Protein backbone atom coordinates (compact mmCIF):
# COMPACT_ATOMS: atom_id res chain seq x y z
CA MET A 1 -57.52 59.35 -35.72
CA ASN A 2 -55.47 58.24 -32.75
CA THR A 3 -52.93 55.46 -33.02
CA ILE A 4 -54.61 53.27 -30.40
CA LYS A 5 -57.73 53.02 -32.57
CA ILE A 6 -55.63 52.50 -35.72
CA ALA A 7 -53.73 49.64 -34.06
CA GLU A 8 -57.02 48.01 -33.08
CA GLU A 9 -58.42 48.46 -36.60
CA LEU A 10 -55.32 46.91 -38.18
CA ASN A 11 -55.01 44.17 -35.57
CA VAL A 12 -51.43 45.09 -34.64
CA CYS A 13 -49.76 45.93 -31.35
CA HIS A 14 -49.91 49.64 -30.50
CA TYR A 15 -46.21 49.49 -29.59
CA THR A 16 -45.45 48.47 -33.21
CA VAL A 17 -47.43 51.45 -34.53
CA MET A 18 -45.64 53.87 -32.18
CA LYS A 19 -42.22 52.39 -33.04
CA THR A 20 -42.91 52.71 -36.78
CA ILE A 21 -43.97 56.35 -36.44
CA PHE A 22 -40.97 57.14 -34.26
CA ARG A 23 -38.58 55.47 -36.73
CA TYR A 24 -39.97 57.43 -39.72
CA LYS A 25 -41.11 60.58 -37.90
CA ILE A 26 -39.58 62.91 -40.52
CA ASP A 27 -41.69 61.26 -43.23
CA PHE A 28 -44.87 61.63 -41.17
CA ASP A 29 -44.09 65.27 -40.35
CA SER A 30 -43.38 66.08 -44.00
CA LEU A 31 -46.84 65.02 -45.19
CA ASP A 32 -48.52 68.14 -43.86
CA LYS A 33 -46.64 71.32 -43.01
CA ASN A 34 -49.54 72.61 -40.89
CA PHE A 35 -49.95 69.36 -39.01
CA GLU A 36 -47.54 68.57 -36.24
CA LEU A 37 -47.29 65.18 -34.59
CA LYS A 38 -47.47 65.33 -30.85
CA ILE A 39 -47.65 62.67 -28.21
CA ILE A 40 -50.82 63.04 -26.17
CA ARG A 41 -50.91 61.50 -22.73
CA GLU A 42 -54.26 60.02 -21.75
CA LYS A 43 -54.75 59.74 -18.00
CA PRO A 44 -56.38 56.66 -16.50
CA SER A 45 -60.08 57.02 -15.75
CA LYS A 46 -61.20 58.02 -12.26
CA ASN A 47 -62.61 54.56 -11.57
CA SER A 48 -59.37 52.75 -12.43
CA LYS A 49 -56.94 51.71 -9.75
CA GLY A 50 -54.02 53.42 -11.43
CA GLY A 51 -51.82 52.47 -14.31
CA LYS A 52 -49.64 54.47 -16.64
CA PRO A 53 -50.98 57.24 -18.86
CA LYS A 54 -51.22 56.11 -22.50
CA ASN A 55 -49.12 57.81 -25.15
CA PHE A 56 -50.51 58.04 -28.66
CA TYR A 57 -50.28 60.12 -31.81
CA ILE A 58 -53.13 61.78 -33.65
CA LEU A 59 -52.69 61.17 -37.39
CA ASN A 60 -54.38 62.77 -40.36
CA TYR A 61 -55.65 60.67 -43.28
CA TRP A 62 -52.40 60.74 -45.28
CA GLN A 63 -50.28 59.92 -42.27
CA LYS A 64 -52.54 56.96 -41.56
CA CYS A 65 -52.09 55.79 -45.18
CA LEU A 66 -48.30 56.13 -44.83
CA LEU A 67 -48.36 54.13 -41.61
CA ILE A 68 -50.33 51.35 -43.31
CA LEU A 69 -47.80 51.28 -46.16
CA TYR A 70 -44.86 51.07 -43.72
CA LEU A 71 -46.29 48.31 -41.52
CA GLN A 72 -45.56 44.66 -42.25
CA ASN A 73 -48.43 42.78 -43.85
CA ASN A 74 -51.11 40.86 -42.09
CA LYS A 75 -54.48 40.09 -43.69
CA ILE A 76 -56.06 43.41 -42.65
CA ILE A 77 -53.04 45.55 -43.56
CA LYS A 78 -52.78 43.85 -46.96
CA GLU A 79 -56.44 44.71 -47.64
CA LYS A 80 -55.90 48.33 -46.53
CA LYS A 81 -52.84 48.67 -48.80
CA PHE A 82 -54.88 47.39 -51.73
CA GLU A 83 -57.65 49.85 -50.82
CA ILE A 84 -55.15 52.73 -50.95
CA LEU A 85 -53.88 51.51 -54.32
CA ARG A 86 -57.42 51.35 -55.73
CA LYS A 87 -57.91 55.01 -54.80
CA ILE A 88 -54.72 55.99 -56.61
CA VAL A 89 -55.03 53.81 -59.74
CA PRO A 90 -58.14 55.53 -61.22
CA THR A 91 -56.10 58.74 -61.54
CA TYR A 92 -53.47 56.92 -63.59
CA ASN A 93 -53.91 56.27 -67.32
CA ILE A 94 -52.38 52.82 -67.81
CA LYS A 95 -52.20 53.01 -71.64
CA THR A 96 -50.16 56.21 -71.75
CA ASN A 97 -48.51 55.85 -68.31
CA ASN A 98 -49.51 59.42 -67.47
CA VAL A 99 -51.33 60.85 -64.51
CA LYS A 100 -54.63 62.43 -65.58
C-alpha cells in the first residue's frame, strides 16, 4: 500500500509518514530482505496545470504495522495499534507466558 493512502487512512500528514520512514529506514528495510523500499515519483495528471511529482513509498503489511507503531497517537492510530495487538495476543499463552 502506498504511503499517501496510509496517511489518509490514519488521518495524518503524508509528510509525517515520510519523515518517520526516513528516520527509521533501517528498521523498515530489515522487515523483509526481499522487499526494498523505493521512492516512487508520481507525475501530475495530464489535465492538471502542473505541480510537483509526488514522492511516496510502497509498504508491505508488516512495514505498515511498524509505521503505525512508530507514529504518535491520534484516535485512528490508537485503534490500529490495538488492532495489531489483538492479532498478536491470541498467539500468546498468558498463564504460562509462552508463545504457542
